[in-house]
């Protein structure tokens, strides 16, 4: 909620001052910041759902709602990039130049400080809570910093007699926003589509290091909301007592967690040439 309040305040300051001074780059950056606020609203809703415990309809929990929210954030960024790009071409067609004031520099300086603080805090929280949503929002907010620096550069250029650089700064901001959107959409898409995160051969090699494992097959891996997940079938001697076979399965899971950093591993133990 605090981040939402800060983002809305930052966006309004940029939009109002940018409109008053006819700075298209500042207005563009204001819309960029406004999507931060929209992202926060999406994030708050998603986190309220994601924190729910597993139920009959969602036996694996609700954590992927965070990833879905991150996907929406990426979409909002892509839409923002498109709108800024259109505004830039309109300025090129219609002409005009920004009015550079002290207030413009003050607003941009304060908003950069706020965005740096928010991005740093969210990045730390994302690592602490293993939150894909917070990581996406941190990347989104960090892109604001680069956009704001481009605005300041354009204001300085306009003051020394190069107002046309205002449009160039707006185009640079568009590129920054588009890149942030691409990274978020790609990361969210890979997670939601259960893309393999490790080669099956690598998982097999580690599992075969455990004494008693004869072979490994049906290996799958994917990225989950709380890290990597893998499931596999290991074959052991059919004459082994159940408790010993079970212990081998635990050793395989432990080795995979240790060697490959997979927090969630499911091992199915079976006799050789099993058709299961």
C-alpha atoms as a PDB file:
ATOM      1  CA  UNK A   1       0.000   0.000   0.000  1.00  0.00           C
ATOM      2  CA  UNK A   2       2.880   2.365   0.766  1.00  0.00           C
ATOM      3  CA  UNK A   3       4.480   1.657  -2.610  1.00  0.00           C
ATOM      4  CA  UNK A   4       1.125   2.248  -4.314  1.00  0.00           C
ATOM      5  CA  UNK A   5       0.802   5.629  -2.569  1.00  0.00           C
ATOM      6  CA  UNK A   6       4.345   6.633  -3.579  1.00  0.00           C
ATOM      7  CA  UNK A   7       3.902   5.530  -7.197  1.00  0.00           C
ATOM      8  CA  UNK A   8       0.649   7.449  -7.647  1.00  0.00           C
ATOM      9  CA  UNK A   9       2.238  10.554  -6.106  1.00  0.00           C
ATOM     10  CA  UNK A  10       5.270  10.283  -8.391  1.00  0.00           C
ATOM     11  CA  UNK A  11       3.088   9.769 -11.479  1.00  0.00           C
ATOM     12  CA  UNK A  12       0.835  12.748 -10.729  1.00  0.00           C
ATOM     13  CA  UNK A  13       3.816  15.032 -10.110  1.00  0.00           C
ATOM     14  CA  UNK A  14       5.397  14.105 -13.451  1.00  0.00           C
ATOM     15  CA  UNK A  15       2.137  14.318 -15.404  1.00  0.00           C
ATOM     16  CA  UNK A  16       1.110  17.704 -13.995  1.00  0.00           C
ATOM     17  CA  UNK A  17       4.506  19.383 -14.356  1.00  0.00           C
ATOM     18  CA  UNK A  18       5.074  17.742 -17.747  1.00  0.00           C
ATOM     19  CA  UNK A  19       1.732  19.002 -19.031  1.00  0.00           C
ATOM     20  CA  UNK A  20       2.334  22.527 -17.689  1.00  0.00           C
ATOM     21  CA  UNK A  21       5.791  22.719 -19.294  1.00  0.00           C
ATOM     22  CA  UNK A  22       4.890  20.862 -22.527  1.00  0.00           C
ATOM     23  CA  UNK A  23       7.583  18.257 -21.861  1.00  0.00           C
ATOM     24  CA  UNK A  24       6.559  15.160 -23.774  1.00  0.00           C
ATOM     25  CA  UNK A  25       9.359  13.120 -22.202  1.00  0.00           C
ATOM     26  CA  UNK A  26       8.167  14.007 -18.685  1.00  0.00           C
ATOM     27  CA  UNK A  27       4.562  13.193 -19.570  1.00  0.00           C
ATOM     28  CA  UNK A  28       5.735   9.887 -21.040  1.00  0.00           C
ATOM     29  CA  UNK A  29       7.642   9.130 -17.861  1.00  0.00           C
ATOM     30  CA  UNK A  30       4.546  10.076 -15.850  1.00  0.00           C
ATOM     31  CA  UNK A  31       2.450   7.515 -17.705  1.00  0.00           C
ATOM     32  CA  UNK A  32       5.227   4.990 -17.116  1.00  0.00           C
ATOM     33  CA  UNK A  33       4.995   5.682 -13.376  1.00  0.00           C
ATOM     34  CA  UNK A  34       1.212   5.493 -13.519  1.00  0.00           C
ATOM     35  CA  UNK A  35       1.470   1.907 -14.712  1.00  0.00           C
ATOM     36  CA  UNK A  36       3.503   1.247 -11.547  1.00  0.00           C
ATOM     37  CA  UNK A  37       0.448   2.219  -9.526  1.00  0.00           C
ATOM     38  CA  UNK A  38      -1.798   0.019 -11.643  1.00  0.00           C
ATOM     39  CA  UNK A  39       0.691  -2.808 -11.170  1.00  0.00           C
ATOM     40  CA  UNK A  40       0.522  -2.349  -7.406  1.00  0.00           C
ATOM     41  CA  UNK A  41      -3.264  -2.703  -7.464  1.00  0.00           C
ATOM     42  CA  UNK A  42      -2.944  -5.883  -9.540  1.00  0.00           C
ATOM     43  CA  UNK A  43      -0.254  -7.124  -7.168  1.00  0.00           C
ATOM     44  CA  UNK A  44      -2.299  -6.511  -4.030  1.00  0.00           C
ATOM     45  CA  UNK A  45      -5.221  -8.464  -5.458  1.00  0.00           C
ATOM     46  CA  UNK A  46      -2.954 -11.287  -6.645  1.00  0.00           C
ATOM     47  CA  UNK A  47      -1.133 -11.580  -3.319  1.00  0.00           C
ATOM     48  CA  UNK A  48      -4.411 -11.749  -1.415  1.00  0.00           C
ATOM     49  CA  UNK A  49      -5.311 -14.788  -3.560  1.00  0.00           C
ATOM     50  CA  UNK A  50      -1.815 -16.321  -3.677  1.00  0.00           C
ATOM     51  CA  UNK A  51      -1.545 -16.490   0.120  1.00  0.00           C
ATOM     52  CA  UNK A  52      -4.583 -18.776   0.374  1.00  0.00           C
ATOM     53  CA  UNK A  53      -3.817 -22.366   1.398  1.00  0.00           C
ATOM     54  CA  UNK A  54      -4.320 -25.288  -1.023  1.00  0.00           C
ATOM     55  CA  UNK A  55      -7.941 -26.332  -1.547  1.00  0.00           C
ATOM     56  CA  UNK A  56      -9.894 -28.888  -3.588  1.00  0.00           C
ATOM     57  CA  UNK A  57      -9.731 -26.822  -6.782  1.00  0.00           C
ATOM     58  CA  UNK A  58      -6.084 -25.782  -6.285  1.00  0.00           C
ATOM     59  CA  UNK A  59      -4.338 -28.685  -4.533  1.00  0.00           C
ATOM     60  CA  UNK A  60      -0.907 -27.197  -5.342  1.00  0.00           C
ATOM     61  CA  UNK A  61      -1.839 -23.864  -3.795  1.00  0.00           C
ATOM     62  CA  UNK A  62      -2.473 -20.464  -5.355  1.00  0.00           C
ATOM     63  CA  UNK A  63       1.076 -19.175  -5.816  1.00  0.00           C
ATOM     64  CA  UNK A  64       0.819 -18.971  -9.610  1.00  0.00           C
ATOM     65  CA  UNK A  65      -1.680 -16.158  -9.255  1.00  0.00           C
ATOM     66  CA  UNK A  66       1.418 -14.057  -8.518  1.00  0.00           C
ATOM     67  CA  UNK A  67       2.878 -15.096 -11.854  1.00  0.00           C
ATOM     68  CA  UNK A  68      -0.389 -14.274 -13.589  1.00  0.00           C
ATOM     69  CA  UNK A  69      -0.261 -10.807 -12.010  1.00  0.00           C
ATOM     70  CA  UNK A  70       3.322 -10.383 -13.224  1.00  0.00           C
ATOM     71  CA  UNK A  71       2.094 -11.221 -16.725  1.00  0.00           C
ATOM     72  CA  UNK A  72      -0.522  -8.458 -16.435  1.00  0.00           C
ATOM     73  CA  UNK A  73       2.188  -6.027 -15.285  1.00  0.00           C
ATOM     74  CA  UNK A  74       4.222  -6.894 -18.384  1.00  0.00           C
ATOM     75  CA  UNK A  75       1.162  -6.267 -20.547  1.00  0.00           C
ATOM     76  CA  UNK A  76       0.580  -2.869 -18.929  1.00  0.00           C
ATOM     77  CA  UNK A  77       4.201  -1.938 -19.633  1.00  0.00           C
ATOM     78  CA  UNK A  78       3.892  -2.986 -23.272  1.00  0.00           C
ATOM     79  CA  UNK A  79       0.735  -0.867 -23.622  1.00  0.00           C
ATOM     80  CA  UNK A  80       2.508   2.100 -22.029  1.00  0.00           C
ATOM     81  CA  UNK A  81       5.421   1.778 -24.466  1.00  0.00           C
ATOM     82  CA  UNK A  82       2.992   1.885 -27.371  1.00  0.00           C
ATOM     83  CA  UNK A  83       1.221   5.000 -26.066  1.00  0.00           C
ATOM     84  CA  UNK A  84       4.503   6.838 -25.475  1.00  0.00           C
ATOM     85  CA  UNK A  85       5.700   5.920 -28.954  1.00  0.00           C
ATOM     86  CA  UNK A  86       2.527   7.351 -30.484  1.00  0.00           C
ATOM     87  CA  UNK A  87       2.916  10.590 -28.485  1.00  0.00           C
ATOM     88  CA  UNK A  88       6.512  10.941 -29.661  1.00  0.00           C
ATOM     89  CA  UNK A  89       5.527  10.711 -33.323  1.00  0.00           C
ATOM     90  CA  UNK A  90       2.728  13.223 -32.771  1.00  0.00           C
ATOM     91  CA  UNK A  91       5.267  15.705 -31.367  1.00  0.00           C
ATOM     92  CA  UNK A  92       7.532  15.128 -34.368  1.00  0.00           C
ATOM     93  CA  UNK A  93       4.613  15.806 -36.702  1.00  0.00           C
ATOM     94  CA  UNK A  94       3.131  18.809 -34.882  1.00  0.00           C
ATOM     95  CA  UNK A  95       6.287  20.392 -33.468  1.00  0.00           C
ATOM     96  CA  UNK A  96       6.654  22.262 -30.163  1.00  0.00           C
ATOM     97  CA  UNK A  97       9.240  22.404 -27.407  1.00  0.00           C
ATOM     98  CA  UNK A  98       9.287  22.005 -23.614  1.00  0.00           C
ATOM     99  CA  UNK A  99       9.563  24.845 -21.091  1.00  0.00           C
ATOM    100  CA  UNK A 100      12.390  24.040 -18.715  1.00  0.00           C
ATOM    101  CA  UNK A 101      11.865  25.199 -15.119  1.00  0.00           C
ATOM    102  CA  UNK A 102      13.550  24.611 -11.788  1.00  0.00           C
ATOM    103  CA  UNK A 103      10.419  22.760 -10.677  1.00  0.00           C
ATOM    104  CA  UNK A 104      10.940  20.266 -13.499  1.00  0.00           C
ATOM    105  CA  UNK A 105      14.382  19.317 -12.173  1.00  0.00           C
ATOM    106  CA  UNK A 106      13.160  19.164  -8.566  1.00  0.00           C
ATOM    107  CA  UNK A 107      10.282  16.837  -9.455  1.00  0.00           C
ATOM    108  CA  UNK A 108      12.519  14.527 -11.456  1.00  0.00           C
ATOM    109  CA  UNK A 109      15.191  14.435  -8.754  1.00  0.00           C
ATOM    110  CA  UNK A 110      12.726  13.580  -5.999  1.00  0.00           C
ATOM    111  CA  UNK A 111      11.003  10.907  -8.085  1.00  0.00           C
ATOM    112  CA  UNK A 112      14.338   9.246  -8.921  1.00  0.00           C
ATOM    113  CA  UNK A 113      15.170   9.028  -5.203  1.00  0.00           C
ATOM    114  CA  UNK A 114      11.751   7.510  -4.449  1.00  0.00           C
ATOM    115  CA  UNK A 115      11.991   4.991  -7.296  1.00  0.00           C
ATOM    116  CA  UNK A 116      15.480   3.878  -6.247  1.00  0.00           C
ATOM    117  CA  UNK A 117      14.282   3.306  -2.687  1.00  0.00           C
ATOM    118  CA  UNK A 118      11.181   1.381  -3.815  1.00  0.00           C
ATOM    119  CA  UNK A 119      13.091  -0.771  -6.342  1.00  0.00           C
ATOM    120  CA  UNK A 120      15.761  -1.665  -3.773  1.00  0.00           C
ATOM    121  CA  UNK A 121      13.218  -2.564  -1.106  1.00  0.00           C
ATOM    122  CA  UNK A 122      11.115  -4.658  -3.493  1.00  0.00           C
ATOM    123  CA  UNK A 123      14.171  -6.483  -4.828  1.00  0.00           C
ATOM    124  CA  UNK A 124      15.221  -7.474  -1.309  1.00  0.00           C
ATOM    125  CA  UNK A 125      11.678  -8.513  -0.432  1.00  0.00           C
ATOM    126  CA  UNK A 126      11.446 -10.568  -3.654  1.00  0.00           C
ATOM    127  CA  UNK A 127      14.531 -12.574  -2.639  1.00  0.00           C
ATOM    128  CA  UNK A 128      13.355 -12.952   0.951  1.00  0.00           C
ATOM    129  CA  UNK A 129       9.859 -14.167   0.064  1.00  0.00           C
ATOM    130  CA  UNK A 130      10.788 -15.808  -3.273  1.00  0.00           C
ATOM    131  CA  UNK A 131       8.118 -13.698  -4.941  1.00  0.00           C
ATOM    132  CA  UNK A 132       7.967 -13.579  -8.746  1.00  0.00           C
ATOM    133  CA  UNK A 133       5.512 -10.694  -8.491  1.00  0.00           C
ATOM    134  CA  UNK A 134       7.768  -8.508  -6.348  1.00  0.00           C
ATOM    135  CA  UNK A 135      10.696  -9.252  -8.642  1.00  0.00           C
ATOM    136  CA  UNK A 136       8.656  -8.143 -11.674  1.00  0.00           C
ATOM    137  CA  UNK A 137       7.452  -4.991  -9.939  1.00  0.00           C
ATOM    138  CA  UNK A 138      10.993  -4.181  -8.827  1.00  0.00           C
ATOM    139  CA  UNK A 139      12.204  -4.430 -12.437  1.00  0.00           C
ATOM    140  CA  UNK A 140       9.289  -2.247 -13.495  1.00  0.00           C
ATOM    141  CA  UNK A 141      10.143   0.427 -10.920  1.00  0.00           C
ATOM    142  CA  UNK A 142      13.863   0.281 -11.735  1.00  0.00           C
ATOM    143  CA  UNK A 143      13.069   1.027 -15.374  1.00  0.00           C
ATOM    144  CA  UNK A 144      11.499   4.278 -14.123  1.00  0.00           C
ATOM    145  CA  UNK A 145      14.909   5.416 -12.876  1.00  0.00           C
ATOM    146  CA  UNK A 146      16.491   5.113 -16.324  1.00  0.00           C
ATOM    147  CA  UNK A 147      13.476   6.816 -17.883  1.00  0.00           C
ATOM    148  CA  UNK A 148      13.755   9.704 -15.437  1.00  0.00           C
ATOM    149  CA  UNK A 149      17.468  10.124 -16.172  1.00  0.00           C
ATOM    150  CA  UNK A 150      16.601  10.387 -19.862  1.00  0.00           C
ATOM    151  CA  UNK A 151      14.042  13.091 -19.013  1.00  0.00           C
ATOM    152  CA  UNK A 152      16.632  15.075 -17.054  1.00  0.00           C
ATOM    153  CA  UNK A 153      19.058  14.819 -19.983  1.00  0.00           C
ATOM    154  CA  UNK A 154      16.362  16.124 -22.332  1.00  0.00           C
ATOM    155  CA  UNK A 155      15.581  19.036 -20.002  1.00  0.00           C
ATOM    156  CA  UNK A 156      19.251  20.004 -19.864  1.00  0.00           C
ATOM    157  CA  UNK A 157      19.462  19.772 -23.662  1.00  0.00           C
ATOM    158  CA  UNK A 158      16.367  21.962 -24.061  1.00  0.00           C
ATOM    159  CA  UNK A 159      17.816  24.578 -21.705  1.00  0.00           C
ATOM    160  CA  UNK A 160      21.027  24.850 -23.713  1.00  0.00           C
ATOM    161  CA  UNK A 161      19.163  25.119 -27.023  1.00  0.00           C
ATOM    162  CA  UNK A 162      18.361  21.596 -28.235  1.00  0.00           C
ATOM    163  CA  UNK A 163      14.621  21.109 -27.516  1.00  0.00           C
ATOM    164  CA  UNK A 164      14.306  18.413 -30.190  1.00  0.00           C
ATOM    165  CA  UNK A 165      16.129  16.045 -27.849  1.00  0.00           C
ATOM    166  CA  UNK A 166      12.950  15.933 -25.777  1.00  0.00           C
ATOM    167  CA  UNK A 167      11.429  13.598 -28.380  1.00  0.00           C
ATOM    168  CA  UNK A 168      14.609  11.525 -28.558  1.00  0.00           C
ATOM    169  CA  UNK A 169      14.475  11.096 -24.765  1.00  0.00           C
ATOM    170  CA  UNK A 170      10.850   9.993 -25.057  1.00  0.00           C
ATOM    171  CA  UNK A 171      11.868   7.380 -27.627  1.00  0.00           C
ATOM    172  CA  UNK A 172      14.640   6.147 -25.326  1.00  0.00           C
ATOM    173  CA  UNK A 173      12.077   5.848 -22.538  1.00  0.00           C
ATOM    174  CA  UNK A 174       9.893   3.818 -24.895  1.00  0.00           C
ATOM    175  CA  UNK A 175      12.790   1.411 -25.505  1.00  0.00           C
ATOM    176  CA  UNK A 176      13.438   1.040 -21.754  1.00  0.00           C
ATOM    177  CA  UNK A 177       9.770   0.338 -21.058  1.00  0.00           C
ATOM    178  CA  UNK A 178       9.555  -2.143 -23.930  1.00  0.00           C
ATOM    179  CA  UNK A 179      12.627  -4.060 -22.711  1.00  0.00           C
ATOM    180  CA  UNK A 180      11.228  -4.263 -19.168  1.00  0.00           C
ATOM    181  CA  UNK A 181       7.921  -5.520 -20.585  1.00  0.00           C
ATOM    182  CA  UNK A 182       9.695  -8.170 -22.662  1.00  0.00           C
ATOM    183  CA  UNK A 183      11.720  -9.488 -19.699  1.00  0.00           C
ATOM    184  CA  UNK A 184       8.657  -9.700 -17.453  1.00  0.00           C
ATOM    185  CA  UNK A 185       6.447 -11.300 -20.115  1.00  0.00           C
ATOM    186  CA  UNK A 186       9.156 -13.810 -21.047  1.00  0.00           C
ATOM    187  CA  UNK A 187       9.857 -14.802 -17.434  1.00  0.00           C
ATOM    188  CA  UNK A 188       6.176 -15.148 -16.583  1.00  0.00           C
ATOM    189  CA  UNK A 189       5.475 -17.068 -19.765  1.00  0.00           C
ATOM    190  CA  UNK A 190       8.254 -19.575 -19.100  1.00  0.00           C
ATOM    191  CA  UNK A 191       6.928 -20.192 -15.604  1.00  0.00           C
ATOM    192  CA  UNK A 192       3.276 -20.540 -16.607  1.00  0.00           C
ATOM    193  CA  UNK A 193       4.093 -22.886 -19.501  1.00  0.00           C
ATOM    194  CA  UNK A 194       6.197 -25.185 -17.261  1.00  0.00           C
ATOM    195  CA  UNK A 195       9.331 -24.851 -19.396  1.00  0.00           C
ATOM    196  CA  UNK A 196      12.089 -27.264 -18.340  1.00  0.00           C
ATOM    197  CA  UNK A 197      14.780 -25.526 -16.302  1.00  0.00           C
ATOM    198  CA  UNK A 198      17.411 -28.288 -16.399  1.00  0.00           C
ATOM    199  CA  UNK A 199      18.469 -30.916 -18.975  1.00  0.00           C
ATOM    200  CA  UNK A 200      17.156 -34.371 -18.053  1.00  0.00           C
ATOM    201  CA  UNK A 201      20.673 -35.755 -18.494  1.00  0.00           C
ATOM    202  CA  UNK A 202      21.989 -33.454 -15.765  1.00  0.00           C
ATOM    203  CA  UNK A 203      19.346 -34.606 -13.296  1.00  0.00           C
ATOM    204  CA  UNK A 204      19.985 -38.240 -14.263  1.00  0.00           C
ATOM    205  CA  UNK A 205      23.736 -37.898 -13.685  1.00  0.00           C
ATOM    206  CA  UNK A 206      23.243 -36.571 -10.160  1.00  0.00           C
ATOM    207  CA  UNK A 207      20.650 -39.232  -9.274  1.00  0.00           C
ATOM    208  CA  UNK A 208      22.937 -42.031 -10.476  1.00  0.00           C
ATOM    209  CA  UNK A 209      25.560 -40.921  -7.960  1.00  0.00           C
ATOM    210  CA  UNK A 210      23.408 -42.342  -5.161  1.00  0.00           C
ATOM    211  CA  UNK A 211      24.392 -45.950  -4.322  1.00  0.00           C
ATOM    212  CA  UNK A 212      21.626 -48.408  -5.154  1.00  0.00           C
ATOM    213  CA  UNK A 213      20.161 -46.457  -8.067  1.00  0.00           C
ATOM    214  CA  UNK A 214      20.207 -48.709 -11.161  1.00  0.00           C
ATOM    215  CA  UNK A 215      18.637 -46.334 -13.655  1.00  0.00           C
ATOM    216  CA  UNK A 216      16.604 -43.154 -13.912  1.00  0.00           C
ATOM    217  CA  UNK A 217      13.793 -42.255 -16.306  1.00  0.00           C
ATOM    218  CA  UNK A 218      10.623 -40.155 -16.734  1.00  0.00           C
ATOM    219  CA  UNK A 219      12.558 -37.054 -15.687  1.00  0.00           C
ATOM    220  CA  UNK A 220      10.749 -33.730 -15.665  1.00  0.00           C
ATOM    221  CA  UNK A 221      11.652 -30.291 -14.340  1.00  0.00           C
ATOM    222  CA  UNK A 222      10.031 -26.893 -14.288  1.00  0.00           C
ATOM    223  CA  UNK A 223      10.254 -23.584 -12.520  1.00  0.00           C
ATOM    224  CA  UNK A 224       7.764 -23.071  -9.723  1.00  0.00           C
ATOM    225  CA  UNK A 225       6.709 -19.947  -7.823  1.00  0.00           C
ATOM    226  CA  UNK A 226       9.127 -20.887  -5.043  1.00  0.00           C
ATOM    227  CA  UNK A 227      11.985 -22.205  -7.159  1.00  0.00           C
ATOM    228  CA  UNK A 228      12.728 -25.293  -9.226  1.00  0.00           C
ATOM    229  CA  UNK A 229      10.667 -28.481  -9.185  1.00  0.00           C
ATOM    230  CA  UNK A 230      11.672 -31.919 -10.502  1.00  0.00           C
ATOM    231  CA  UNK A 231      10.059 -35.332 -10.507  1.00  0.00           C
ATOM    232  CA  UNK A 232      11.640 -38.586 -11.678  1.00  0.00           C
ATOM    233  CA  UNK A 233      11.464 -42.361 -11.457  1.00  0.00           C
ATOM    234  CA  UNK A 234      14.440 -44.303 -10.112  1.00  0.00           C
ATOM    235  CA  UNK A 235      14.842 -48.050 -10.406  1.00  0.00           C
ATOM    236  CA  UNK A 236      16.381 -50.076  -7.575  1.00  0.00           C
ATOM    237  CA  UNK A 237      16.956 -53.753  -6.861  1.00  0.00           C
ATOM    238  CA  UNK A 238      13.589 -55.517  -6.626  1.00  0.00           C
ATOM    239  CA  UNK A 239      14.855 -57.594  -3.689  1.00  0.00           C
ATOM    240  CA  UNK A 240      15.517 -54.585  -1.473  1.00  0.00           C
ATOM    241  CA  UNK A 241      13.294 -54.188   1.613  1.00  0.00           C
ATOM    242  CA  UNK A 242      10.750 -51.407   1.254  1.00  0.00           C
ATOM    243  CA  UNK A 243      12.390 -49.205   3.864  1.00  0.00           C
ATOM    244  CA  UNK A 244      15.787 -49.387   2.115  1.00  0.00           C
ATOM    245  CA  UNK A 245      14.278 -48.572  -1.285  1.00  0.00           C
ATOM    246  CA  UNK A 246      12.432 -45.676   0.312  1.00  0.00           C
ATOM    247  CA  UNK A 247      15.666 -44.424   1.869  1.00  0.00           C
ATOM    248  CA  UNK A 248      17.378 -44.447  -1.534  1.00  0.00           C
ATOM    249  CA  UNK A 249      14.572 -42.270  -2.875  1.00  0.00           C
ATOM    250  CA  UNK A 250      15.153 -39.802  -0.033  1.00  0.00           C
ATOM    251  CA  UNK A 251      18.873 -39.743  -0.778  1.00  0.00           C
ATOM    252  CA  UNK A 252      18.225 -38.981  -4.441  1.00  0.00           C
ATOM    253  CA  UNK A 253      15.918 -36.095  -3.514  1.00  0.00           C
ATOM    254  CA  UNK A 254      18.470 -34.752  -1.054  1.00  0.00           C
ATOM    255  CA  UNK A 255      21.313 -34.982  -3.576  1.00  0.00           C
ATOM    256  CA  UNK A 256      19.289 -33.094  -6.195  1.00  0.00           C
ATOM    257  CA  UNK A 257      18.441 -30.359  -3.708  1.00  0.00           C
ATOM    258  CA  UNK A 258      22.100 -30.048  -2.726  1.00  0.00           C
ATOM    259  CA  UNK A 259      23.769 -30.284  -6.135  1.00  0.00           C
ATOM    260  CA  UNK A 260      21.221 -28.574  -8.385  1.00  0.00           C
ATOM    261  CA  UNK A 261      19.438 -26.232  -5.989  1.00  0.00           C
ATOM    262  CA  UNK A 262      16.014 -27.796  -6.537  1.00  0.00           C
ATOM    263  CA  UNK A 263      13.868 -27.107  -3.458  1.00  0.00           C
ATOM    264  CA  UNK A 264      10.973 -29.323  -4.582  1.00  0.00           C
ATOM    265  CA  UNK A 265      11.823 -32.882  -5.692  1.00  0.00           C
ATOM    266  CA  UNK A 266       9.484 -35.875  -6.056  1.00  0.00           C
ATOM    267  CA  UNK A 267      11.100 -39.306  -6.489  1.00  0.00           C
ATOM    268  CA  UNK A 268       9.140 -42.409  -7.468  1.00  0.00           C
ATOM    269  CA  UNK A 269      10.991 -45.624  -6.572  1.00  0.00           C
ATOM    270  CA  UNK A 270      10.274 -48.739  -8.631  1.00  0.00           C
ATOM    271  CA  UNK A 271      11.830 -52.143  -9.492  1.00  0.00           C
ATOM    272  CA  UNK A 272      13.785 -52.660 -12.738  1.00  0.00           C
ATOM    273  CA  UNK A 273      11.819 -52.908 -16.010  1.00  0.00           C
ATOM    274  CA  UNK A 274       8.722 -51.536 -14.303  1.00  0.00           C
ATOM    275  CA  UNK A 275       5.997 -50.484 -16.700  1.00  0.00           C
ATOM    276  CA  UNK A 276       4.687 -47.854 -14.237  1.00  0.00           C
END
